């Protein structure tokens, strides 16, 4: 099942997709995998054997507590998806178990890809001013990929603010074949 729309999907259409999507489309043993450090994930031979690819990006976005707080607020309101060709409803709460849709314009149709928030972690270490906010989403049936993606913002001991993306994914070719797409 692939969810396609000719115009930007409404909130109601996204809700219908979530209701039709079903459970996670990847093995439960990988649920929460992106909570692990990338070095650990790279050593996990099972991921590669099961067809998953790893993607990781770490970018310095600035410094200071204000920059960290702005980055955290941006993640919580899905601004990292605020593009002309992709979006997540900014009212969607970043909480464990919340289901949502990532909507992406691919050529003419919009693809609506269902996800569920798998984890949310926040930590503050007052001694050094270190803080981090992370969350990850897992793909549900109806998504073209299988796996997880996590986003984080971190304030380190040097007062630098880092944005991170970690992803394990596999193309759902069987899902495409089943739908005749």
N, C-alpha and C. Protein backbone atom coordinates (compact mmCIF):
# COMPACT_ATOMS: atom_id res chain seq x y z
N UNK A 1 0.85 -1.16 0.00
CA UNK A 1 0.00 0.00 0.00
C UNK A 1 0.90 1.24 0.00
N UNK A 2 0.70 2.09 -0.96
CA UNK A 2 1.43 3.35 -1.08
C UNK A 2 0.40 4.46 -1.08
N UNK A 3 0.64 5.51 -0.31
CA UNK A 3 -0.30 6.62 -0.20
C UNK A 3 0.14 7.77 -1.09
N UNK A 4 -0.65 8.04 -2.14
CA UNK A 4 -0.34 9.10 -3.11
C UNK A 4 -1.50 10.09 -3.19
N UNK A 5 -1.15 11.38 -3.32
CA UNK A 5 -2.15 12.43 -3.49
C UNK A 5 -1.66 13.41 -4.54
N UNK A 6 -2.57 13.94 -5.34
CA UNK A 6 -2.20 14.88 -6.40
C UNK A 6 -2.00 16.29 -5.86
N UNK A 7 -2.56 16.61 -4.70
CA UNK A 7 -2.34 17.93 -4.09
C UNK A 7 -1.82 17.72 -2.67
N UNK A 8 -1.37 18.80 -2.06
CA UNK A 8 -0.80 18.73 -0.71
C UNK A 8 -1.80 18.04 0.23
N UNK A 9 -1.39 16.96 0.90
CA UNK A 9 -2.30 16.20 1.75
C UNK A 9 -2.81 17.01 2.93
N UNK A 10 -4.11 16.96 3.14
CA UNK A 10 -4.73 17.67 4.27
C UNK A 10 -4.49 16.87 5.55
N UNK A 11 -4.80 17.49 6.68
CA UNK A 11 -4.68 16.81 7.97
C UNK A 11 -5.59 15.59 8.00
N UNK A 12 -6.78 15.71 7.45
CA UNK A 12 -7.73 14.58 7.41
C UNK A 12 -7.20 13.43 6.55
N UNK A 13 -6.62 13.75 5.40
CA UNK A 13 -6.04 12.71 4.54
C UNK A 13 -4.87 12.01 5.23
N UNK A 14 -4.07 12.76 5.95
CA UNK A 14 -2.96 12.16 6.69
C UNK A 14 -3.48 11.23 7.78
N UNK A 15 -4.52 11.66 8.47
CA UNK A 15 -5.12 10.83 9.52
C UNK A 15 -5.64 9.52 8.92
N UNK A 16 -6.26 9.59 7.75
CA UNK A 16 -6.75 8.39 7.07
C UNK A 16 -5.60 7.44 6.73
N UNK A 17 -4.48 8.00 6.28
CA UNK A 17 -3.31 7.18 5.97
C UNK A 17 -2.78 6.48 7.22
N UNK A 18 -2.71 7.21 8.32
CA UNK A 18 -2.25 6.62 9.58
C UNK A 18 -3.17 5.47 9.98
N UNK A 19 -4.48 5.69 9.86
CA UNK A 19 -5.45 4.66 10.24
C UNK A 19 -5.34 3.41 9.36
N UNK A 20 -4.93 3.57 8.12
CA UNK A 20 -4.80 2.44 7.19
C UNK A 20 -3.41 1.80 7.22
N UNK A 21 -2.44 2.47 7.83
CA UNK A 21 -1.04 2.06 7.69
C UNK A 21 -0.69 0.74 8.36
N UNK A 22 -1.16 0.49 9.53
CA UNK A 22 -0.80 -0.75 10.21
C UNK A 22 0.44 -0.59 11.09
N UNK A 23 1.00 -1.72 11.51
CA UNK A 23 2.13 -1.70 12.45
C UNK A 23 3.45 -1.35 11.77
N UNK A 24 4.51 -1.41 12.56
CA UNK A 24 5.85 -1.16 12.04
C UNK A 24 6.14 -2.14 10.90
N UNK A 25 6.93 -1.70 9.92
CA UNK A 25 7.24 -2.56 8.78
C UNK A 25 8.66 -3.13 8.84
N UNK A 26 9.25 -3.14 10.02
CA UNK A 26 10.59 -3.72 10.19
C UNK A 26 10.62 -4.52 11.49
N UNK A 27 11.61 -5.41 11.58
CA UNK A 27 11.73 -6.34 12.69
C UNK A 27 11.83 -5.62 14.03
N UNK A 28 11.08 -6.13 15.01
CA UNK A 28 11.05 -5.53 16.35
C UNK A 28 12.43 -5.50 17.01
N UNK A 29 13.32 -6.40 16.60
CA UNK A 29 14.66 -6.41 17.21
C UNK A 29 15.44 -5.14 16.90
N UNK A 30 15.01 -4.39 15.87
CA UNK A 30 15.69 -3.13 15.52
C UNK A 30 14.97 -1.90 16.05
N UNK A 31 13.84 -2.08 16.73
CA UNK A 31 13.10 -0.96 17.29
C UNK A 31 13.97 -0.26 18.33
N UNK A 32 14.18 1.03 18.15
CA UNK A 32 15.03 1.81 19.06
C UNK A 32 16.50 1.73 18.72
N UNK A 33 16.84 1.14 17.58
CA UNK A 33 18.26 0.97 17.20
C UNK A 33 18.99 2.31 17.14
N UNK A 34 18.31 3.36 16.70
CA UNK A 34 19.00 4.65 16.54
C UNK A 34 19.24 5.37 17.87
N UNK A 35 18.86 4.74 19.00
CA UNK A 35 19.26 5.29 20.30
C UNK A 35 20.73 4.97 20.58
N UNK A 36 21.26 3.98 19.86
CA UNK A 36 22.65 3.56 20.05
C UNK A 36 23.61 4.50 19.32
N UNK A 37 24.84 4.53 19.79
CA UNK A 37 25.89 5.31 19.13
C UNK A 37 26.16 4.75 17.74
N UNK A 38 26.51 5.61 16.81
CA UNK A 38 26.75 5.18 15.43
C UNK A 38 27.88 4.16 15.36
N UNK A 39 28.89 4.26 16.23
CA UNK A 39 29.98 3.28 16.21
C UNK A 39 29.47 1.88 16.52
N UNK A 40 28.52 1.78 17.43
CA UNK A 40 27.93 0.48 17.77
C UNK A 40 27.10 -0.04 16.60
N UNK A 41 26.32 0.86 15.98
CA UNK A 41 25.50 0.45 14.84
C UNK A 41 26.36 -0.04 13.68
N UNK A 42 27.50 0.62 13.45
CA UNK A 42 28.38 0.22 12.35
C UNK A 42 28.97 -1.16 12.57
N UNK A 43 29.12 -1.56 13.82
CA UNK A 43 29.68 -2.88 14.14
C UNK A 43 28.62 -3.98 14.10
N UNK A 44 27.37 -3.62 14.01
CA UNK A 44 26.28 -4.58 14.05
C UNK A 44 26.11 -5.24 12.68
N UNK A 45 26.69 -6.41 12.52
CA UNK A 45 26.63 -7.13 11.25
C UNK A 45 25.22 -7.56 10.87
N UNK A 46 24.34 -7.72 11.86
CA UNK A 46 22.95 -8.11 11.59
C UNK A 46 22.24 -7.06 10.75
N UNK A 47 22.50 -5.79 11.02
CA UNK A 47 21.86 -4.72 10.24
C UNK A 47 22.17 -4.87 8.76
N UNK A 48 23.44 -5.03 8.44
CA UNK A 48 23.86 -5.17 7.05
C UNK A 48 23.30 -6.45 6.43
N UNK A 49 23.34 -7.54 7.21
CA UNK A 49 22.85 -8.82 6.72
C UNK A 49 21.36 -8.74 6.37
N UNK A 50 20.62 -7.96 7.15
CA UNK A 50 19.18 -7.81 6.92
C UNK A 50 18.85 -6.71 5.92
N UNK A 51 19.87 -6.16 5.26
CA UNK A 51 19.63 -5.21 4.17
C UNK A 51 19.55 -3.75 4.56
N UNK A 52 19.93 -3.42 5.79
CA UNK A 52 19.86 -2.03 6.24
C UNK A 52 21.13 -1.27 5.88
N UNK A 53 20.96 -0.03 5.55
CA UNK A 53 22.07 0.89 5.32
C UNK A 53 22.08 1.92 6.44
N UNK A 54 23.27 2.44 6.75
CA UNK A 54 23.40 3.46 7.80
C UNK A 54 23.70 4.80 7.17
N UNK A 55 23.15 5.82 7.77
CA UNK A 55 23.41 7.19 7.35
C UNK A 55 23.57 8.02 8.61
N UNK A 56 24.59 8.86 8.65
CA UNK A 56 24.82 9.70 9.83
C UNK A 56 25.38 11.04 9.38
N UNK A 57 24.85 12.09 9.95
CA UNK A 57 25.37 13.43 9.69
C UNK A 57 25.42 14.19 11.01
N UNK A 58 26.49 14.92 11.21
CA UNK A 58 26.67 15.74 12.41
C UNK A 58 27.15 17.10 11.94
N UNK A 59 26.41 18.16 12.34
CA UNK A 59 26.71 19.50 11.86
C UNK A 59 26.77 20.47 13.04
N UNK A 60 27.81 21.29 13.08
CA UNK A 60 27.92 22.35 14.08
C UNK A 60 27.00 23.48 13.66
N UNK A 61 26.03 23.83 14.52
CA UNK A 61 25.06 24.87 14.16
C UNK A 61 25.28 26.18 14.90
N UNK A 62 26.16 26.20 15.90
CA UNK A 62 26.42 27.44 16.64
C UNK A 62 26.90 27.13 18.04
N UNK A 63 26.66 28.08 18.94
CA UNK A 63 27.10 27.89 20.32
C UNK A 63 26.13 28.57 21.28
N UNK A 64 26.16 28.11 22.51
CA UNK A 64 25.38 28.73 23.58
C UNK A 64 24.02 28.10 23.82
N UNK A 65 23.54 28.36 25.03
CA UNK A 65 22.25 27.81 25.48
C UNK A 65 21.08 28.30 24.61
N UNK A 66 21.10 29.57 24.18
CA UNK A 66 20.01 30.08 23.33
C UNK A 66 19.93 29.32 22.01
N UNK A 67 21.07 29.06 21.40
CA UNK A 67 21.10 28.32 20.14
C UNK A 67 20.57 26.91 20.36
N UNK A 68 20.97 26.27 21.46
CA UNK A 68 20.47 24.94 21.79
C UNK A 68 18.95 24.95 21.92
N UNK A 69 18.41 25.89 22.69
CA UNK A 69 16.96 25.97 22.92
C UNK A 69 16.20 26.22 21.61
N UNK A 70 16.75 27.07 20.75
CA UNK A 70 16.11 27.31 19.44
C UNK A 70 16.12 26.05 18.60
N UNK A 71 17.22 25.32 18.63
CA UNK A 71 17.31 24.06 17.89
C UNK A 71 16.33 23.03 18.42
N UNK A 72 16.22 22.94 19.74
CA UNK A 72 15.28 22.00 20.36
C UNK A 72 13.84 22.36 19.96
N UNK A 73 13.50 23.63 20.03
CA UNK A 73 12.16 24.07 19.64
C UNK A 73 11.89 23.77 18.16
N UNK A 74 12.90 23.95 17.32
CA UNK A 74 12.76 23.66 15.88
C UNK A 74 12.47 22.17 15.66
N UNK A 75 13.18 21.29 16.38
CA UNK A 75 12.92 19.86 16.25
C UNK A 75 11.53 19.50 16.74
N UNK A 76 11.12 20.08 17.86
CA UNK A 76 9.82 19.77 18.43
C UNK A 76 8.66 20.25 17.56
N UNK A 77 8.90 21.22 16.70
CA UNK A 77 7.84 21.70 15.80
C UNK A 77 8.08 21.25 14.36
N UNK A 78 8.97 20.28 14.17
CA UNK A 78 9.21 19.63 12.88
C UNK A 78 9.71 20.59 11.81
N UNK A 79 10.42 21.66 12.20
CA UNK A 79 10.91 22.61 11.19
C UNK A 79 11.97 22.00 10.28
N UNK A 80 12.60 20.91 10.70
CA UNK A 80 13.56 20.23 9.82
C UNK A 80 12.85 19.60 8.62
N UNK A 81 11.52 19.52 8.66
CA UNK A 81 10.73 19.06 7.53
C UNK A 81 10.00 20.22 6.86
N UNK A 82 10.26 21.43 7.26
CA UNK A 82 9.55 22.60 6.74
C UNK A 82 10.11 23.07 5.41
N UNK A 83 9.89 22.30 4.38
CA UNK A 83 10.40 22.60 3.05
C UNK A 83 9.23 22.74 2.09
N UNK A 84 9.48 23.30 0.93
CA UNK A 84 8.39 23.43 -0.04
C UNK A 84 7.98 22.06 -0.59
N UNK A 85 8.85 21.07 -0.51
CA UNK A 85 8.58 19.76 -1.06
C UNK A 85 8.42 18.66 0.00
N UNK A 86 8.48 19.02 1.29
CA UNK A 86 8.32 18.04 2.36
C UNK A 86 7.80 18.73 3.62
N UNK A 87 6.94 18.02 4.37
CA UNK A 87 6.48 18.59 5.63
C UNK A 87 5.93 17.51 6.55
N UNK A 88 5.93 17.84 7.83
CA UNK A 88 5.21 17.12 8.87
C UNK A 88 4.37 18.18 9.56
N UNK A 89 3.13 17.86 9.89
CA UNK A 89 2.26 18.83 10.56
C UNK A 89 2.96 19.34 11.82
N UNK A 90 3.17 20.64 11.89
CA UNK A 90 3.93 21.24 13.00
C UNK A 90 3.24 21.07 14.35
N UNK A 91 1.97 20.71 14.36
CA UNK A 91 1.24 20.50 15.62
C UNK A 91 1.46 19.09 16.17
N UNK A 92 2.10 18.23 15.39
CA UNK A 92 2.34 16.85 15.82
C UNK A 92 3.29 16.85 17.01
N UNK A 93 2.85 16.24 18.10
CA UNK A 93 3.68 16.20 19.31
C UNK A 93 4.79 15.17 19.18
N UNK A 94 5.95 15.53 19.70
CA UNK A 94 7.09 14.62 19.73
C UNK A 94 7.01 13.87 21.07
N UNK A 95 6.28 12.74 21.03
CA UNK A 95 6.08 11.91 22.21
C UNK A 95 6.09 10.45 21.78
N UNK A 96 6.57 9.58 22.66
CA UNK A 96 6.55 8.14 22.37
C UNK A 96 5.16 7.71 21.94
N UNK A 97 5.09 6.92 20.87
CA UNK A 97 3.84 6.34 20.43
C UNK A 97 2.99 7.21 19.51
N UNK A 98 3.37 8.46 19.31
CA UNK A 98 2.59 9.33 18.43
C UNK A 98 2.83 8.92 16.97
N UNK A 99 1.73 8.75 16.23
CA UNK A 99 1.83 8.40 14.81
C UNK A 99 1.68 9.68 13.99
N UNK A 100 2.41 9.74 12.87
CA UNK A 100 2.43 10.94 12.04
C UNK A 100 2.72 10.57 10.61
N UNK A 101 2.64 11.55 9.74
CA UNK A 101 2.97 11.35 8.33
C UNK A 101 4.05 12.33 7.90
N UNK A 102 5.05 11.82 7.21
CA UNK A 102 6.01 12.67 6.51
C UNK A 102 5.49 12.74 5.08
N UNK A 103 5.20 13.96 4.62
CA UNK A 103 4.64 14.16 3.28
C UNK A 103 5.72 14.73 2.39
N UNK A 104 5.94 14.07 1.26
CA UNK A 104 7.03 14.44 0.36
C UNK A 104 6.49 14.53 -1.06
N UNK A 105 6.80 15.63 -1.74
CA UNK A 105 6.37 15.78 -3.13
C UNK A 105 7.41 15.15 -4.03
N UNK A 106 7.00 14.11 -4.73
CA UNK A 106 7.85 13.39 -5.67
C UNK A 106 7.31 13.62 -7.08
N UNK A 107 7.96 14.48 -7.82
CA UNK A 107 7.51 14.83 -9.16
C UNK A 107 6.09 15.39 -9.09
N UNK A 108 5.09 14.67 -9.59
CA UNK A 108 3.72 15.18 -9.56
C UNK A 108 2.97 14.81 -8.29
N UNK A 109 2.97 13.55 -7.86
CA UNK A 109 2.17 13.24 -6.66
C UNK A 109 2.92 13.54 -5.36
N UNK A 110 2.15 13.67 -4.30
CA UNK A 110 2.69 13.73 -2.95
C UNK A 110 2.67 12.31 -2.39
N UNK A 111 3.78 11.89 -1.78
CA UNK A 111 3.85 10.63 -1.05
C UNK A 111 3.58 10.93 0.41
N UNK A 112 2.74 10.13 1.04
CA UNK A 112 2.47 10.29 2.46
C UNK A 112 3.00 9.03 3.13
N UNK A 113 4.01 9.21 3.99
CA UNK A 113 4.70 8.07 4.58
C UNK A 113 4.50 8.04 6.10
N UNK A 114 3.79 7.03 6.59
CA UNK A 114 3.45 6.94 8.01
C UNK A 114 4.64 6.51 8.88
N UNK A 115 4.71 7.15 10.04
CA UNK A 115 5.77 6.90 11.03
C UNK A 115 5.17 6.87 12.43
N UNK A 116 5.96 6.37 13.36
CA UNK A 116 5.60 6.44 14.78
C UNK A 116 6.83 6.83 15.57
N UNK A 117 6.66 7.75 16.52
CA UNK A 117 7.77 8.15 17.38
C UNK A 117 8.10 6.96 18.29
N UNK A 118 9.34 6.50 18.21
CA UNK A 118 9.78 5.30 18.93
C UNK A 118 10.42 5.66 20.27
N UNK A 119 11.11 6.78 20.33
CA UNK A 119 11.73 7.19 21.59
C UNK A 119 11.92 8.70 21.61
N UNK A 120 11.94 9.24 22.82
CA UNK A 120 12.29 10.64 23.07
C UNK A 120 13.20 10.64 24.27
N UNK A 121 14.38 11.22 24.13
CA UNK A 121 15.34 11.31 25.23
C UNK A 121 15.79 12.75 25.39
N UNK A 122 15.78 13.20 26.62
CA UNK A 122 16.30 14.53 26.92
C UNK A 122 17.16 14.42 28.16
N UNK A 123 18.32 15.08 28.13
CA UNK A 123 19.18 15.06 29.31
C UNK A 123 19.80 16.43 29.51
N UNK A 124 20.00 16.76 30.77
CA UNK A 124 20.64 18.02 31.16
C UNK A 124 21.65 17.67 32.25
N UNK A 125 22.88 18.10 32.06
CA UNK A 125 23.90 17.91 33.08
C UNK A 125 24.31 19.30 33.55
N UNK A 126 23.82 19.69 34.70
CA UNK A 126 24.00 21.07 35.17
C UNK A 126 25.45 21.44 35.46
N UNK A 127 26.29 20.46 35.81
CA UNK A 127 27.69 20.78 36.13
C UNK A 127 28.39 21.48 34.97
N UNK A 128 28.30 20.91 33.80
CA UNK A 128 29.03 21.43 32.66
C UNK A 128 28.13 22.16 31.67
N UNK A 129 26.83 22.26 31.94
CA UNK A 129 25.91 22.90 31.01
C UNK A 129 25.60 22.05 29.80
N UNK A 130 25.97 20.77 29.86
CA UNK A 130 25.75 19.86 28.74
C UNK A 130 24.27 19.49 28.69
N UNK A 131 23.70 19.48 27.47
CA UNK A 131 22.29 19.13 27.31
C UNK A 131 22.10 18.45 25.95
N UNK A 132 21.07 17.61 25.88
CA UNK A 132 20.74 17.01 24.59
C UNK A 132 19.25 16.68 24.54
N UNK A 133 18.72 16.74 23.33
CA UNK A 133 17.34 16.36 23.05
C UNK A 133 17.36 15.52 21.79
N UNK A 134 16.79 14.30 21.87
CA UNK A 134 16.77 13.38 20.73
C UNK A 134 15.42 12.69 20.64
N UNK A 135 15.05 12.38 19.43
CA UNK A 135 13.90 11.52 19.24
C UNK A 135 14.08 10.75 17.94
N UNK A 136 13.38 9.62 17.87
CA UNK A 136 13.47 8.80 16.67
C UNK A 136 12.10 8.31 16.25
N UNK A 137 11.96 8.13 14.94
CA UNK A 137 10.71 7.63 14.38
C UNK A 137 10.96 6.37 13.60
N UNK A 138 10.03 5.43 13.73
CA UNK A 138 10.09 4.18 12.99
C UNK A 138 9.04 4.15 11.90
N UNK A 139 9.36 3.48 10.82
CA UNK A 139 8.46 3.42 9.67
C UNK A 139 7.34 2.40 9.90
N UNK A 140 6.15 2.76 9.44
CA UNK A 140 4.98 1.88 9.52
C UNK A 140 4.68 1.32 8.14
N UNK A 141 3.81 0.31 8.08
CA UNK A 141 3.40 -0.23 6.79
C UNK A 141 2.78 0.90 5.96
N UNK A 142 3.18 0.96 4.69
CA UNK A 142 2.75 2.05 3.82
C UNK A 142 3.86 3.05 3.57
N UNK A 143 4.95 2.94 4.32
CA UNK A 143 6.14 3.78 4.12
C UNK A 143 7.02 3.09 3.09
N UNK A 144 7.68 3.85 2.24
CA UNK A 144 8.52 3.24 1.20
C UNK A 144 9.84 2.68 1.72
N UNK A 145 10.25 3.10 2.91
CA UNK A 145 11.46 2.57 3.53
C UNK A 145 11.07 1.77 4.76
N UNK A 146 12.01 1.01 5.26
CA UNK A 146 11.84 0.30 6.52
C UNK A 146 12.99 0.71 7.41
N UNK A 147 12.70 1.09 8.64
CA UNK A 147 13.76 1.43 9.57
C UNK A 147 13.43 2.60 10.45
N UNK A 148 14.48 3.27 10.91
CA UNK A 148 14.35 4.38 11.84
C UNK A 148 15.22 5.55 11.44
N UNK A 149 14.80 6.70 11.92
CA UNK A 149 15.57 7.91 11.74
C UNK A 149 15.51 8.66 13.05
N UNK A 150 16.64 9.15 13.52
CA UNK A 150 16.63 9.94 14.76
C UNK A 150 17.24 11.31 14.49
N UNK A 151 16.74 12.27 15.23
CA UNK A 151 17.19 13.66 15.13
C UNK A 151 17.58 14.11 16.52
N UNK A 152 18.65 14.89 16.61
CA UNK A 152 19.05 15.39 17.94
C UNK A 152 19.71 16.75 17.83
N UNK A 153 19.68 17.42 18.96
CA UNK A 153 20.40 18.68 19.13
C UNK A 153 21.16 18.53 20.45
N UNK A 154 22.43 18.91 20.44
CA UNK A 154 23.27 18.72 21.63
C UNK A 154 24.07 19.96 21.93
N UNK A 155 24.17 20.28 23.21
CA UNK A 155 25.05 21.34 23.70
C UNK A 155 26.17 20.63 24.44
N UNK A 156 27.41 20.76 23.93
CA UNK A 156 28.52 20.01 24.52
C UNK A 156 29.25 20.82 25.60
N UNK A 157 30.27 20.20 26.17
CA UNK A 157 31.03 20.82 27.28
C UNK A 157 31.82 22.05 26.83
N UNK A 158 31.99 22.23 25.53
CA UNK A 158 32.68 23.42 24.99
C UNK A 158 31.69 24.50 24.56
N UNK A 159 30.41 24.34 24.94
CA UNK A 159 29.36 25.29 24.63
C UNK A 159 29.01 25.33 23.14
N UNK A 160 29.37 24.27 22.42
CA UNK A 160 29.03 24.18 21.00
C UNK A 160 27.73 23.39 20.83
N UNK A 161 26.95 23.78 19.84
CA UNK A 161 25.67 23.13 19.58
C UNK A 161 25.77 22.34 18.29
N UNK A 162 25.41 21.05 18.38
CA UNK A 162 25.51 20.13 17.26
C UNK A 162 24.13 19.57 16.91
N UNK A 163 23.87 19.44 15.62
CA UNK A 163 22.67 18.79 15.13
C UNK A 163 23.09 17.45 14.53
N UNK A 164 22.34 16.41 14.83
CA UNK A 164 22.67 15.06 14.36
C UNK A 164 21.47 14.40 13.70
N UNK A 165 21.76 13.62 12.69
CA UNK A 165 20.80 12.74 12.04
C UNK A 165 21.42 11.37 12.01
N UNK A 166 20.69 10.37 12.45
CA UNK A 166 21.13 8.97 12.34
C UNK A 166 19.99 8.19 11.73
N UNK A 167 20.33 7.30 10.82
CA UNK A 167 19.28 6.58 10.10
C UNK A 167 19.73 5.16 9.80
N UNK A 168 18.82 4.21 10.00
CA UNK A 168 18.99 2.86 9.47
C UNK A 168 17.79 2.63 8.56
N UNK A 169 18.04 2.25 7.33
CA UNK A 169 16.90 2.08 6.43
C UNK A 169 17.19 1.04 5.36
N UNK A 170 16.10 0.49 4.87
CA UNK A 170 16.14 -0.45 3.75
C UNK A 170 14.97 -0.12 2.85
N UNK A 171 15.16 -0.19 1.56
CA UNK A 171 14.09 0.06 0.61
C UNK A 171 13.08 -1.07 0.68
N UNK A 172 11.83 -0.72 0.72
CA UNK A 172 10.77 -1.72 0.82
C UNK A 172 10.35 -2.19 -0.57
N UNK A 173 11.21 -2.92 -1.24
CA UNK A 173 10.90 -3.36 -2.60
C UNK A 173 9.72 -4.33 -2.63
N UNK A 174 9.58 -5.15 -1.61
CA UNK A 174 8.46 -6.08 -1.58
C UNK A 174 7.14 -5.32 -1.49
N UNK A 175 7.11 -4.27 -0.70
CA UNK A 175 5.90 -3.46 -0.59
C UNK A 175 5.54 -2.86 -1.93
N UNK A 176 6.53 -2.43 -2.68
CA UNK A 176 6.28 -1.85 -4.00
C UNK A 176 5.77 -2.91 -4.96
N UNK A 177 6.35 -4.10 -4.92
CA UNK A 177 5.92 -5.17 -5.82
C UNK A 177 4.49 -5.60 -5.51
N UNK A 178 4.14 -5.66 -4.21
CA UNK A 178 2.81 -6.08 -3.82
C UNK A 178 1.74 -5.10 -4.29
N UNK A 179 2.07 -3.82 -4.37
CA UNK A 179 1.07 -2.83 -4.76
C UNK A 179 1.03 -2.64 -6.27
N UNK A 180 1.99 -3.23 -6.98
CA UNK A 180 2.04 -3.06 -8.41
C UNK A 180 2.56 -1.70 -8.82
N UNK A 181 3.18 -1.00 -7.92
CA UNK A 181 3.70 0.34 -8.16
C UNK A 181 4.94 0.30 -9.03
